[in-house]
Amino acid sequence: LALLTTFDAGTRVVANQEIAAEDVRRQAEHLNVDLVGVPLHSGRSYEEHISLGLDVLRREGAEEVVLLFGDLHLESIKAWREHRLKPLPLVAGCLYPVFHVPYEEL
């Protein structure tokens, strides 16, 4: 089990979440989960960045991974992830455990 998260290379903030990468590091440490931080730079596609993160997991011995996302309700984002990330090497699937779960239940 590992946490793979992307963040802006310049600001070191997780995009769309406005959470500092350092906070994610502390959360992973608290949960005793390995963290693969993927800095996003201009000049590469998002998929290329994710592939670099997956390469880290592969070098650590992963043969396949299932990507979990915290998306709540945006079908377009979910469809994009399925179309663009699921075909990447190592990716066995994508899961969305809180998709369509009402805010009140979270």
PDB file of N, CA and C in Angstrom:
ATOM      1  N   LEU A   1       0.859  -1.172   0.000  1.00  0.00           N
ATOM      2  CA  LEU A   1       0.000   0.000   0.000  1.00  0.00           C
ATOM      3  C   LEU A   1       0.901   1.228   0.000  1.00  0.00           C
ATOM      4  N   ALA A   2       0.594   2.153  -0.896  1.00  0.00           N
ATOM      5  CA  ALA A   2       1.354   3.396  -0.966  1.00  0.00           C
ATOM      6  C   ALA A   2       0.418   4.517  -1.389  1.00  0.00           C
ATOM      7  N   LEU A   3       0.715   5.700  -0.942  1.00  0.00           N
ATOM      8  CA  LEU A   3      -0.018   6.895  -1.325  1.00  0.00           C
ATOM      9  C   LEU A   3       0.783   7.608  -2.400  1.00  0.00           C
ATOM     10  N   LEU A   4       0.176   7.799  -3.560  1.00  0.00           N
ATOM     11  CA  LEU A   4       0.801   8.541  -4.647  1.00  0.00           C
ATOM     12  C   LEU A   4       0.015   9.826  -4.794  1.00  0.00           C
ATOM     13  N   THR A   5       0.679  10.955  -4.661  1.00  0.00           N
ATOM     14  CA  THR A   5      -0.020  12.229  -4.774  1.00  0.00           C
ATOM     15  C   THR A   5       0.782  13.194  -5.626  1.00  0.00           C
ATOM     16  N   THR A   6       0.060  14.000  -6.391  1.00  0.00           N
ATOM     17  CA  THR A   6       0.706  15.005  -7.230  1.00  0.00           C
ATOM     18  C   THR A   6       0.620  16.359  -6.537  1.00  0.00           C
ATOM     19  N   PHE A   7       1.589  17.204  -6.858  1.00  0.00           N
ATOM     20  CA  PHE A   7       1.581  18.555  -6.310  1.00  0.00           C
ATOM     21  C   PHE A   7       2.330  19.480  -7.255  1.00  0.00           C
ATOM     22  N   ASP A   8       2.024  20.749  -7.185  1.00  0.00           N
ATOM     23  CA  ASP A   8       2.695  21.752  -8.001  1.00  0.00           C
ATOM     24  C   ASP A   8       4.154  21.862  -7.557  1.00  0.00           C
ATOM     25  N   ALA A   9       5.070  21.719  -8.502  1.00  0.00           N
ATOM     26  CA  ALA A   9       6.500  21.731  -8.168  1.00  0.00           C
ATOM     27  C   ALA A   9       6.943  23.072  -7.598  1.00  0.00           C
ATOM     28  N   GLY A  10       6.331  24.161  -8.046  1.00  0.00           N
ATOM     29  CA  GLY A  10       6.738  25.481  -7.574  1.00  0.00           C
ATOM     30  C   GLY A  10       6.200  25.830  -6.202  1.00  0.00           C
ATOM     31  N   THR A  11       4.913  25.580  -6.006  1.00  0.00           N
ATOM     32  CA  THR A  11       4.280  25.954  -4.738  1.00  0.00           C
ATOM     33  C   THR A  11       4.281  24.842  -3.704  1.00  0.00           C
ATOM     34  N   ARG A  12       4.499  23.603  -4.154  1.00  0.00           N
ATOM     35  CA  ARG A  12       4.452  22.419  -3.303  1.00  0.00           C
ATOM     36  C   ARG A  12       3.079  22.284  -2.632  1.00  0.00           C
ATOM     37  N   VAL A  13       2.026  22.591  -3.412  1.00  0.00           N
ATOM     38  CA  VAL A  13       0.644  22.489  -2.966  1.00  0.00           C
ATOM     39  C   VAL A  13      -0.071  21.496  -3.872  1.00  0.00           C
ATOM     40  N   VAL A  14      -0.899  20.630  -3.266  1.00  0.00           N
ATOM     41  CA  VAL A  14      -1.680  19.656  -4.030  1.00  0.00           C
ATOM     42  C   VAL A  14      -2.763  20.416  -4.792  1.00  0.00           C
ATOM     43  N   ALA A  15      -2.767  20.258  -6.113  1.00  0.00           N
ATOM     44  CA  ALA A  15      -3.706  20.979  -6.966  1.00  0.00           C
ATOM     45  C   ALA A  15      -5.147  20.659  -6.596  1.00  0.00           C
ATOM     46  N   ASN A  16      -5.998  21.650  -6.663  1.00  0.00           N
ATOM     47  CA  ASN A  16      -7.438  21.562  -6.397  1.00  0.00           C
ATOM     48  C   ASN A  16      -7.782  21.282  -4.941  1.00  0.00           C
ATOM     49  N   GLN A  17      -6.839  20.858  -4.160  1.00  0.00           N
ATOM     50  CA  GLN A  17      -7.111  20.566  -2.754  1.00  0.00           C
ATOM     51  C   GLN A  17      -6.597  21.670  -1.834  1.00  0.00           C
ATOM     52  N   GLU A  18      -5.628  22.432  -2.352  1.00  0.00           N
ATOM     53  CA  GLU A  18      -5.006  23.505  -1.571  1.00  0.00           C
ATOM     54  C   GLU A  18      -4.427  22.987  -0.256  1.00  0.00           C
ATOM     55  N   ILE A  19      -3.799  21.815  -0.339  1.00  0.00           N
ATOM     56  CA  ILE A  19      -3.144  21.201   0.816  1.00  0.00           C
ATOM     57  C   ILE A  19      -1.647  21.168   0.528  1.00  0.00           C
ATOM     58  N   ALA A  20      -0.856  21.585   1.467  1.00  0.00           N
ATOM     59  CA  ALA A  20       0.593  21.563   1.293  1.00  0.00           C
ATOM     60  C   ALA A  20       1.086  20.119   1.195  1.00  0.00           C
ATOM     61  N   ALA A  21       2.024  19.898   0.301  1.00  0.00           N
ATOM     62  CA  ALA A  21       2.608  18.561   0.148  1.00  0.00           C
ATOM     63  C   ALA A  21       3.191  18.074   1.479  1.00  0.00           C
ATOM     64  N   GLU A  22       3.689  18.980   2.271  1.00  0.00           N
ATOM     65  CA  GLU A  22       4.226  18.613   3.585  1.00  0.00           C
ATOM     66  C   GLU A  22       3.136  18.035   4.488  1.00  0.00           C
ATOM     67  N   ASP A  23       1.926  18.565   4.407  1.00  0.00           N
ATOM     68  CA  ASP A  23       0.816  18.021   5.196  1.00  0.00           C
ATOM     69  C   ASP A  23       0.491  16.595   4.761  1.00  0.00           C
ATOM     70  N   VAL A  24       0.542  16.339   3.467  1.00  0.00           N
ATOM     71  CA  VAL A  24       0.295  14.989   2.960  1.00  0.00           C
ATOM     72  C   VAL A  24       1.387  14.044   3.453  1.00  0.00           C
ATOM     73  N   ARG A  25       2.626  14.536   3.456  1.00  0.00           N
ATOM     74  CA  ARG A  25       3.735  13.714   3.959  1.00  0.00           C
ATOM     75  C   ARG A  25       3.499  13.330   5.418  1.00  0.00           C
ATOM     76  N   ARG A  26       3.071  14.296   6.229  1.00  0.00           N
ATOM     77  CA  ARG A  26       2.819  14.021   7.648  1.00  0.00           C
ATOM     78  C   ARG A  26       1.647  13.045   7.819  1.00  0.00           C
ATOM     79  N   GLN A  27       0.610  13.175   6.995  1.00  0.00           N
ATOM     80  CA  GLN A  27      -0.517  12.248   7.068  1.00  0.00           C
ATOM     81  C   GLN A  27      -0.065  10.831   6.740  1.00  0.00           C
ATOM     82  N   ALA A  28       0.725  10.689   5.677  1.00  0.00           N
ATOM     83  CA  ALA A  28       1.219   9.362   5.288  1.00  0.00           C
ATOM     84  C   ALA A  28       2.081   8.770   6.405  1.00  0.00           C
ATOM     85  N   GLU A  29       2.912   9.606   6.990  1.00  0.00           N
ATOM     86  CA  GLU A  29       3.763   9.147   8.092  1.00  0.00           C
ATOM     87  C   GLU A  29       2.908   8.691   9.269  1.00  0.00           C
ATOM     88  N   HIS A  30       1.884   9.467   9.603  1.00  0.00           N
ATOM     89  CA  HIS A  30       0.993   9.117  10.712  1.00  0.00           C
ATOM     90  C   HIS A  30       0.270   7.789  10.452  1.00  0.00           C
ATOM     91  N   LEU A  31      -0.100   7.558   9.201  1.00  0.00           N
ATOM     92  CA  LEU A  31      -0.801   6.327   8.825  1.00  0.00           C
ATOM     93  C   LEU A  31       0.152   5.170   8.548  1.00  0.00           C
ATOM     94  N   ASN A  32       1.450   5.458   8.614  1.00  0.00           N
ATOM     95  CA  ASN A  32       2.475   4.453   8.331  1.00  0.00           C
ATOM     96  C   ASN A  32       2.322   3.880   6.918  1.00  0.00           C
ATOM     97  N   VAL A  33       2.110   4.794   5.956  1.00  0.00           N
ATOM     98  CA  VAL A  33       1.935   4.436   4.559  1.00  0.00           C
ATOM     99  C   VAL A  33       3.049   5.102   3.761  1.00  0.00           C
ATOM    100  N   ASP A  34       3.658   4.343   2.863  1.00  0.00           N
ATOM    101  CA  ASP A  34       4.678   4.925   1.992  1.00  0.00           C
ATOM    102  C   ASP A  34       4.051   5.995   1.115  1.00  0.00           C
ATOM    103  N   LEU A  35       4.800   7.045   0.852  1.00  0.00           N
ATOM    104  CA  LEU A  35       4.329   8.151   0.026  1.00  0.00           C
ATOM    105  C   LEU A  35       5.228   8.300  -1.192  1.00  0.00           C
ATOM    106  N   VAL A  36       4.603   8.398  -2.356  1.00  0.00           N
ATOM    107  CA  VAL A  36       5.306   8.734  -3.587  1.00  0.00           C
ATOM    108  C   VAL A  36       4.774  10.095  -4.006  1.00  0.00           C
ATOM    109  N   GLY A  37       5.578  11.116  -3.826  1.00  0.00           N
ATOM    110  CA  GLY A  37       5.208  12.465  -4.226  1.00  0.00           C
ATOM    111  C   GLY A  37       5.597  12.701  -5.671  1.00  0.00           C
ATOM    112  N   VAL A  38       4.676  13.229  -6.452  1.00  0.00           N
ATOM    113  CA  VAL A  38       4.923  13.451  -7.877  1.00  0.00           C
ATOM    114  C   VAL A  38       4.809  14.951  -8.157  1.00  0.00           C
ATOM    115  N   PRO A  39       5.944  15.639  -8.271  1.00  0.00           N
ATOM    116  CA  PRO A  39       5.891  17.069  -8.580  1.00  0.00           C
ATOM    117  C   PRO A  39       5.472  17.290 -10.035  1.00  0.00           C
ATOM    118  N   LEU A  40       4.531  18.210 -10.237  1.00  0.00           N
ATOM    119  CA  LEU A  40       4.059  18.526 -11.580  1.00  0.00           C
ATOM    120  C   LEU A  40       4.827  19.734 -12.116  1.00  0.00           C
ATOM    121  N   HIS A  41       5.509  19.521 -13.228  1.00  0.00           N
ATOM    122  CA  HIS A  41       6.266  20.570 -13.916  1.00  0.00           C
ATOM    123  C   HIS A  41       5.623  20.816 -15.270  1.00  0.00           C
ATOM    124  N   SER A  42       5.790  22.010 -15.796  1.00  0.00           N
ATOM    125  CA  SER A  42       5.314  22.254 -17.160  1.00  0.00           C
ATOM    126  C   SER A  42       6.220  21.493 -18.132  1.00  0.00           C
ATOM    127  N   GLY A  43       5.687  21.188 -19.303  1.00  0.00           N
ATOM    128  CA  GLY A  43       6.473  20.489 -20.311  1.00  0.00           C
ATOM    129  C   GLY A  43       6.212  19.001 -20.383  1.00  0.00           C
ATOM    130  N   ARG A  44       5.498  18.455 -19.406  1.00  0.00           N
ATOM    131  CA  ARG A  44       5.119  17.037 -19.411  1.00  0.00           C
ATOM    132  C   ARG A  44       3.619  16.939 -19.194  1.00  0.00           C
ATOM    133  N   SER A  45       3.034  15.905 -19.776  1.00  0.00           N
ATOM    134  CA  SER A  45       1.609  15.689 -19.547  1.00  0.00           C
ATOM    135  C   SER A  45       1.398  15.113 -18.148  1.00  0.00           C
ATOM    136  N   TYR A  46       0.168  15.220 -17.672  1.00  0.00           N
ATOM    137  CA  TYR A  46      -0.184  14.652 -16.374  1.00  0.00           C
ATOM    138  C   TYR A  46       0.097  13.156 -16.371  1.00  0.00           C
ATOM    139  N   GLU A  47      -0.238  12.493 -17.479  1.00  0.00           N
ATOM    140  CA  GLU A  47      -0.020  11.058 -17.582  1.00  0.00           C
ATOM    141  C   GLU A  47       1.462  10.708 -17.483  1.00  0.00           C
ATOM    142  N   GLU A  48       2.310  11.535 -18.089  1.00  0.00           N
ATOM    143  CA  GLU A  48       3.758  11.292 -17.998  1.00  0.00           C
ATOM    144  C   GLU A  48       4.231  11.420 -16.557  1.00  0.00           C
ATOM    145  N   HIS A  49       3.702  12.410 -15.848  1.00  0.00           N
ATOM    146  CA  HIS A  49       4.070  12.561 -14.438  1.00  0.00           C
ATOM    147  C   HIS A  49       3.630  11.342 -13.625  1.00  0.00           C
ATOM    148  N   ILE A  50       2.402  10.903 -13.840  1.00  0.00           N
ATOM    149  CA  ILE A  50       1.901   9.738 -13.111  1.00  0.00           C
ATOM    150  C   ILE A  50       2.746   8.507 -13.452  1.00  0.00           C
ATOM    151  N   SER A  51       3.111   8.362 -14.710  1.00  0.00           N
ATOM    152  CA  SER A  51       3.964   7.232 -15.111  1.00  0.00           C
ATOM    153  C   SER A  51       5.282   7.237 -14.356  1.00  0.00           C
ATOM    154  N   LEU A  52       5.859   8.408 -14.137  1.00  0.00           N
ATOM    155  CA  LEU A  52       7.105   8.495 -13.365  1.00  0.00           C
ATOM    156  C   LEU A  52       6.882   8.029 -11.928  1.00  0.00           C
ATOM    157  N   GLY A  53       5.747   8.404 -11.342  1.00  0.00           N
ATOM    158  CA  GLY A  53       5.416   7.926 -10.000  1.00  0.00           C
ATOM    159  C   GLY A  53       5.213   6.429  -9.968  1.00  0.00           C
ATOM    160  N   LEU A  54       4.562   5.898 -10.989  1.00  0.00           N
ATOM    161  CA  LEU A  54       4.360   4.449 -11.072  1.00  0.00           C
ATOM    162  C   LEU A  54       5.689   3.718 -11.237  1.00  0.00           C
ATOM    163  N   ASP A  55       6.638   4.343 -11.940  1.00  0.00           N
ATOM    164  CA  ASP A  55       7.971   3.744 -12.073  1.00  0.00           C
ATOM    165  C   ASP A  55       8.632   3.554 -10.707  1.00  0.00           C
ATOM    166  N   VAL A  56       8.420   4.501  -9.806  1.00  0.00           N
ATOM    167  CA  VAL A  56       8.962   4.376  -8.450  1.00  0.00           C
ATOM    168  C   VAL A  56       8.370   3.134  -7.779  1.00  0.00           C
ATOM    169  N   LEU A  57       7.059   2.967  -7.907  1.00  0.00           N
ATOM    170  CA  LEU A  57       6.406   1.802  -7.308  1.00  0.00           C
ATOM    171  C   LEU A  57       6.889   0.505  -7.944  1.00  0.00           C
ATOM    172  N   ARG A  58       7.087   0.517  -9.261  1.00  0.00           N
ATOM    173  CA  ARG A  58       7.584  -0.670  -9.960  1.00  0.00           C
ATOM    174  C   ARG A  58       8.971  -1.041  -9.448  1.00  0.00           C
ATOM    175  N   ARG A  59       9.843  -0.032  -9.297  1.00  0.00           N
ATOM    176  CA  ARG A  59      11.201  -0.297  -8.797  1.00  0.00           C
ATOM    177  C   ARG A  59      11.182  -0.827  -7.365  1.00  0.00           C
ATOM    178  N   GLU A  60      10.121  -0.505  -6.632  1.00  0.00           N
ATOM    179  CA  GLU A  60       9.968  -0.998  -5.257  1.00  0.00           C
ATOM    180  C   GLU A  60       9.328  -2.382  -5.212  1.00  0.00           C
ATOM    181  N   GLY A  61       8.994  -2.932  -6.397  1.00  0.00           N
ATOM    182  CA  GLY A  61       8.492  -4.291  -6.449  1.00  0.00           C
ATOM    183  C   GLY A  61       7.036  -4.449  -6.836  1.00  0.00           C
ATOM    184  N   ALA A  62       6.324  -3.359  -7.050  1.00  0.00           N
ATOM    185  CA  ALA A  62       4.908  -3.478  -7.435  1.00  0.00           C
ATOM    186  C   ALA A  62       4.795  -4.072  -8.831  1.00  0.00           C
ATOM    187  N   GLU A  63       3.902  -5.036  -8.972  1.00  0.00           N
ATOM    188  CA  GLU A  63       3.643  -5.632 -10.277  1.00  0.00           C
ATOM    189  C   GLU A  63       2.390  -5.055 -10.910  1.00  0.00           C
ATOM    190  N   GLU A  64       1.456  -4.598 -10.081  1.00  0.00           N
ATOM    191  CA  GLU A  64       0.282  -3.898 -10.558  1.00  0.00           C
ATOM    192  C   GLU A  64      -0.253  -3.037  -9.424  1.00  0.00           C
ATOM    193  N   VAL A  65      -0.977  -1.992  -9.803  1.00  0.00           N
ATOM    194  CA  VAL A  65      -1.545  -1.095  -8.805  1.00  0.00           C
ATOM    195  C   VAL A  65      -2.996  -0.799  -9.164  1.00  0.00           C
ATOM    196  N   VAL A  66      -3.766  -0.505  -8.153  1.00  0.00           N
ATOM    197  CA  VAL A  66      -5.120   0.004  -8.324  1.00  0.00           C
ATOM    198  C   VAL A  66      -5.089   1.427  -7.787  1.00  0.00           C
ATOM    199  N   LEU A  67      -5.489   2.364  -8.618  1.00  0.00           N
ATOM    200  CA  LEU A  67      -5.504   3.760  -8.224  1.00  0.00           C
ATOM    201  C   LEU A  67      -6.851   4.087  -7.591  1.00  0.00           C
ATOM    202  N   LEU A  68      -6.824   4.689  -6.402  1.00  0.00           N
ATOM    203  CA  LEU A  68      -8.037   5.117  -5.720  1.00  0.00           C
ATOM    204  C   LEU A  68      -8.093   6.628  -5.739  1.00  0.00           C
ATOM    205  N   PHE A  69      -9.275   7.161  -6.005  1.00  0.00           N
ATOM    206  CA  PHE A  69      -9.459   8.605  -6.079  1.00  0.00           C
ATOM    207  C   PHE A  69     -10.567   9.035  -5.142  1.00  0.00           C
ATOM    208  N   GLY A  70     -10.442  10.242  -4.625  1.00  0.00           N
ATOM    209  CA  GLY A  70     -11.435  10.789  -3.707  1.00  0.00           C
ATOM    210  C   GLY A  70     -12.479  11.646  -4.399  1.00  0.00           C
ATOM    211  N   ASP A  71     -12.644  11.457  -5.708  1.00  0.00           N
ATOM    212  CA  ASP A  71     -13.650  12.229  -6.430  1.00  0.00           C
ATOM    213  C   ASP A  71     -15.031  11.944  -5.868  1.00  0.00           C
ATOM    214  N   LEU A  72     -15.847  12.989  -5.783  1.00  0.00           N
ATOM    215  CA  LEU A  72     -17.168  12.856  -5.190  1.00  0.00           C
ATOM    216  C   LEU A  72     -18.290  12.783  -6.222  1.00  0.00           C
ATOM    217  N   HIS A  73     -18.219  13.601  -7.274  1.00  0.00           N
ATOM    218  CA  HIS A  73     -19.387  13.677  -8.142  1.00  0.00           C
ATOM    219  C   HIS A  73     -19.116  14.105  -9.584  1.00  0.00           C
ATOM    220  N   LEU A  74     -17.931  14.354  -9.994  1.00  0.00           N
ATOM    221  CA  LEU A  74     -17.678  14.850 -11.344  1.00  0.00           C
ATOM    222  C   LEU A  74     -17.439  13.697 -12.319  1.00  0.00           C
ATOM    223  N   GLU A  75     -18.493  13.356 -13.063  1.00  0.00           N
ATOM    224  CA  GLU A  75     -18.404  12.262 -14.032  1.00  0.00           C
ATOM    225  C   GLU A  75     -17.326  12.505 -15.069  1.00  0.00           C
ATOM    226  N   SER A  76     -17.152  13.758 -15.490  1.00  0.00           N
ATOM    227  CA  SER A  76     -16.161  14.064 -16.528  1.00  0.00           C
ATOM    228  C   SER A  76     -14.741  13.769 -16.049  1.00  0.00           C
ATOM    229  N   ILE A  77     -14.450  14.064 -14.801  1.00  0.00           N
ATOM    230  CA  ILE A  77     -13.119  13.782 -14.251  1.00  0.00           C
ATOM    231  C   ILE A  77     -12.928  12.276 -14.124  1.00  0.00           C
ATOM    232  N   LYS A  78     -13.946  11.594 -13.642  1.00  0.00           N
ATOM    233  CA  LYS A  78     -13.879  10.138 -13.513  1.00  0.00           C
ATOM    234  C   LYS A  78     -13.650   9.492 -14.877  1.00  0.00           C
ATOM    235  N   ALA A  79     -14.393   9.927 -15.879  1.00  0.00           N
ATOM    236  CA  ALA A  79     -14.240   9.377 -17.235  1.00  0.00           C
ATOM    237  C   ALA A  79     -12.841   9.669 -17.787  1.00  0.00           C
ATOM    238  N   TRP A  80     -12.334  10.864 -17.523  1.00  0.00           N
ATOM    239  CA  TRP A  80     -10.990  11.218 -17.993  1.00  0.00           C
ATOM    240  C   TRP A  80      -9.959  10.300 -17.346  1.00  0.00           C
ATOM    241  N   ARG A  81     -10.079  10.084 -16.036  1.00  0.00           N
ATOM    242  CA  ARG A  81      -9.133   9.202 -15.337  1.00  0.00           C
ATOM    243  C   ARG A  81      -9.182   7.791 -15.923  1.00  0.00           C
ATOM    244  N   GLU A  82     -10.389   7.284 -16.146  1.00  0.00           N
ATOM    245  CA  GLU A  82     -10.529   5.944 -16.716  1.00  0.00           C
ATOM    246  C   GLU A  82      -9.878   5.861 -18.097  1.00  0.00           C
ATOM    247  N   HIS A  83     -10.099   6.872 -18.899  1.00  0.00           N
ATOM    248  CA  HIS A  83      -9.589   6.881 -20.270  1.00  0.00           C
ATOM    249  C   HIS A  83      -8.081   7.091 -20.335  1.00  0.00           C
ATOM    250  N   ARG A  84      -7.545   7.972 -19.480  1.00  0.00           N
ATOM    251  CA  ARG A  84      -6.145   8.366 -19.593  1.00  0.00           C
ATOM    252  C   ARG A  84      -5.190   7.639 -18.644  1.00  0.00           C
ATOM    253  N   LEU A  85      -5.670   7.250 -17.461  1.00  0.00           N
ATOM    254  CA  LEU A  85      -4.767   6.653 -16.476  1.00  0.00           C
ATOM    255  C   LEU A  85      -4.853   5.133 -16.411  1.00  0.00           C
ATOM    256  N   LYS A  86      -6.023   4.585 -16.610  1.00  0.00           N
ATOM    257  CA  LYS A  86      -6.180   3.135 -16.525  1.00  0.00           C
ATOM    258  C   LYS A  86      -5.285   2.388 -17.516  1.00  0.00           C
ATOM    259  N   PRO A  87      -5.046   2.918 -18.734  1.00  0.00           N
ATOM    260  CA  PRO A  87      -4.166   2.206 -19.674  1.00  0.00           C
ATOM    261  C   PRO A  87      -2.664   2.259 -19.336  1.00  0.00           C
ATOM    262  N   LEU A  88      -2.268   3.048 -18.345  1.00  0.00           N
ATOM    263  CA  LEU A  88      -0.840   3.163 -18.027  1.00  0.00           C
ATOM    264  C   LEU A  88      -0.284   1.830 -17.523  1.00  0.00           C
ATOM    265  N   PRO A  89       1.001   1.586 -17.771  1.00  0.00           N
ATOM    266  CA  PRO A  89       1.627   0.359 -17.256  1.00  0.00           C
ATOM    267  C   PRO A  89       1.443   0.249 -15.738  1.00  0.00           C
ATOM    268  N   LEU A  90       1.255  -0.930 -15.263  1.00  0.00           N
ATOM    269  CA  LEU A  90       1.030  -1.292 -13.862  1.00  0.00           C
ATOM    270  C   LEU A  90      -0.393  -1.080 -13.388  1.00  0.00           C
ATOM    271  N   VAL A  91      -1.169  -0.231 -14.043  1.00  0.00           N
ATOM    272  CA  VAL A  91      -2.496   0.117 -13.529  1.00  0.00           C
ATOM    273  C   VAL A  91      -3.496  -0.986 -13.852  1.00  0.00           C
ATOM    274  N   ALA A  92      -3.962  -1.656 -12.796  1.00  0.00           N
ATOM    275  CA  ALA A  92      -4.929  -2.740 -12.948  1.00  0.00           C
ATOM    276  C   ALA A  92      -6.358  -2.218 -12.897  1.00  0.00           C
ATOM    277  N   GLY A  93      -6.528  -1.011 -12.413  1.00  0.00           N
ATOM    278  CA  GLY A  93      -7.866  -0.440 -12.349  1.00  0.00           C
ATOM    279  C   GLY A  93      -7.889   0.854 -11.574  1.00  0.00           C
ATOM    280  N   CYS A  94      -9.052   1.482 -11.572  1.00  0.00           N
ATOM    281  CA  CYS A  94      -9.282   2.723 -10.840  1.00  0.00           C
ATOM    282  C   CYS A  94     -10.528   2.532  -9.978  1.00  0.00           C
ATOM    283  N   LEU A  95     -10.454   2.954  -8.725  1.00  0.00           N
ATOM    284  CA  LEU A  95     -11.588   2.862  -7.806  1.00  0.00           C
ATOM    285  C   LEU A  95     -11.925   4.242  -7.260  1.00  0.00           C
ATOM    286  N   TYR A  96     -13.193   4.430  -6.956  1.00  0.00           N
ATOM    287  CA  TYR A  96     -13.711   5.710  -6.467  1.00  0.00           C
ATOM    288  C   TYR A  96     -14.612   5.435  -5.259  1.00  0.00           C
ATOM    289  N   PRO A  97     -14.035   5.149  -4.109  1.00  0.00           N
ATOM    290  CA  PRO A  97     -14.823   4.670  -2.970  1.00  0.00           C
ATOM    291  C   PRO A  97     -15.835   5.665  -2.410  1.00  0.00           C
ATOM    292  N   VAL A  98     -15.683   6.959  -2.654  1.00  0.00           N
ATOM    293  CA  VAL A  98     -16.637   7.931  -2.113  1.00  0.00           C
ATOM    294  C   VAL A  98     -17.448   8.611  -3.214  1.00  0.00           C
ATOM    295  N   PHE A  99     -17.383   8.078  -4.433  1.00  0.00           N
ATOM    296  CA  PHE A  99     -18.116   8.691  -5.539  1.00  0.00           C
ATOM    297  C   PHE A  99     -19.621   8.616  -5.269  1.00  0.00           C
ATOM    298  N   HIS A 100     -20.274   9.753  -5.373  1.00  0.00           N
ATOM    299  CA  HIS A 100     -21.717   9.917  -5.136  1.00  0.00           C
ATOM    300  C   HIS A 100     -22.123   9.697  -3.681  1.00  0.00           C
ATOM    301  N   VAL A 101     -21.192   9.635  -2.767  1.00  0.00           N
ATOM    302  CA  VAL A 101     -21.538   9.583  -1.340  1.00  0.00           C
ATOM    303  C   VAL A 101     -21.905  11.009  -0.925  1.00  0.00           C
ATOM    304  N   PRO A 102     -23.062  11.209  -0.326  1.00  0.00           N
ATOM    305  CA  PRO A 102     -23.464  12.554   0.083  1.00  0.00           C
ATOM    306  C   PRO A 102     -22.476  13.175   1.081  1.00  0.00           C
ATOM    307  N   TYR A 103     -22.317  14.481   0.960  1.00  0.00           N
ATOM    308  CA  TYR A 103     -21.407  15.192   1.864  1.00  0.00           C
ATOM    309  C   TYR A 103     -21.726  14.910   3.326  1.00  0.00           C
ATOM    310  N   GLU A 104     -23.008  14.802   3.667  1.00  0.00           N
ATOM    311  CA  GLU A 104     -23.408  14.586   5.050  1.00  0.00           C
ATOM    312  C   GLU A 104     -22.862  13.273   5.610  1.00  0.00           C
ATOM    313  N   GLU A 105     -22.666  12.285   4.741  1.00  0.00           N
ATOM    314  CA  GLU A 105     -22.169  10.985   5.185  1.00  0.00           C
ATOM    315  C   GLU A 105     -20.650  10.973   5.315  1.00  0.00           C
ATOM    316  N   LEU A 106     -19.990  11.936   4.714  1.00  0.00           N
ATOM    317  CA  LEU A 106     -18.531  11.982   4.800  1.00  0.00           C
ATOM    318  C   LEU A 106     -18.137  12.701   6.064  1.00  0.00           C
TER     319      LEU A 106
END
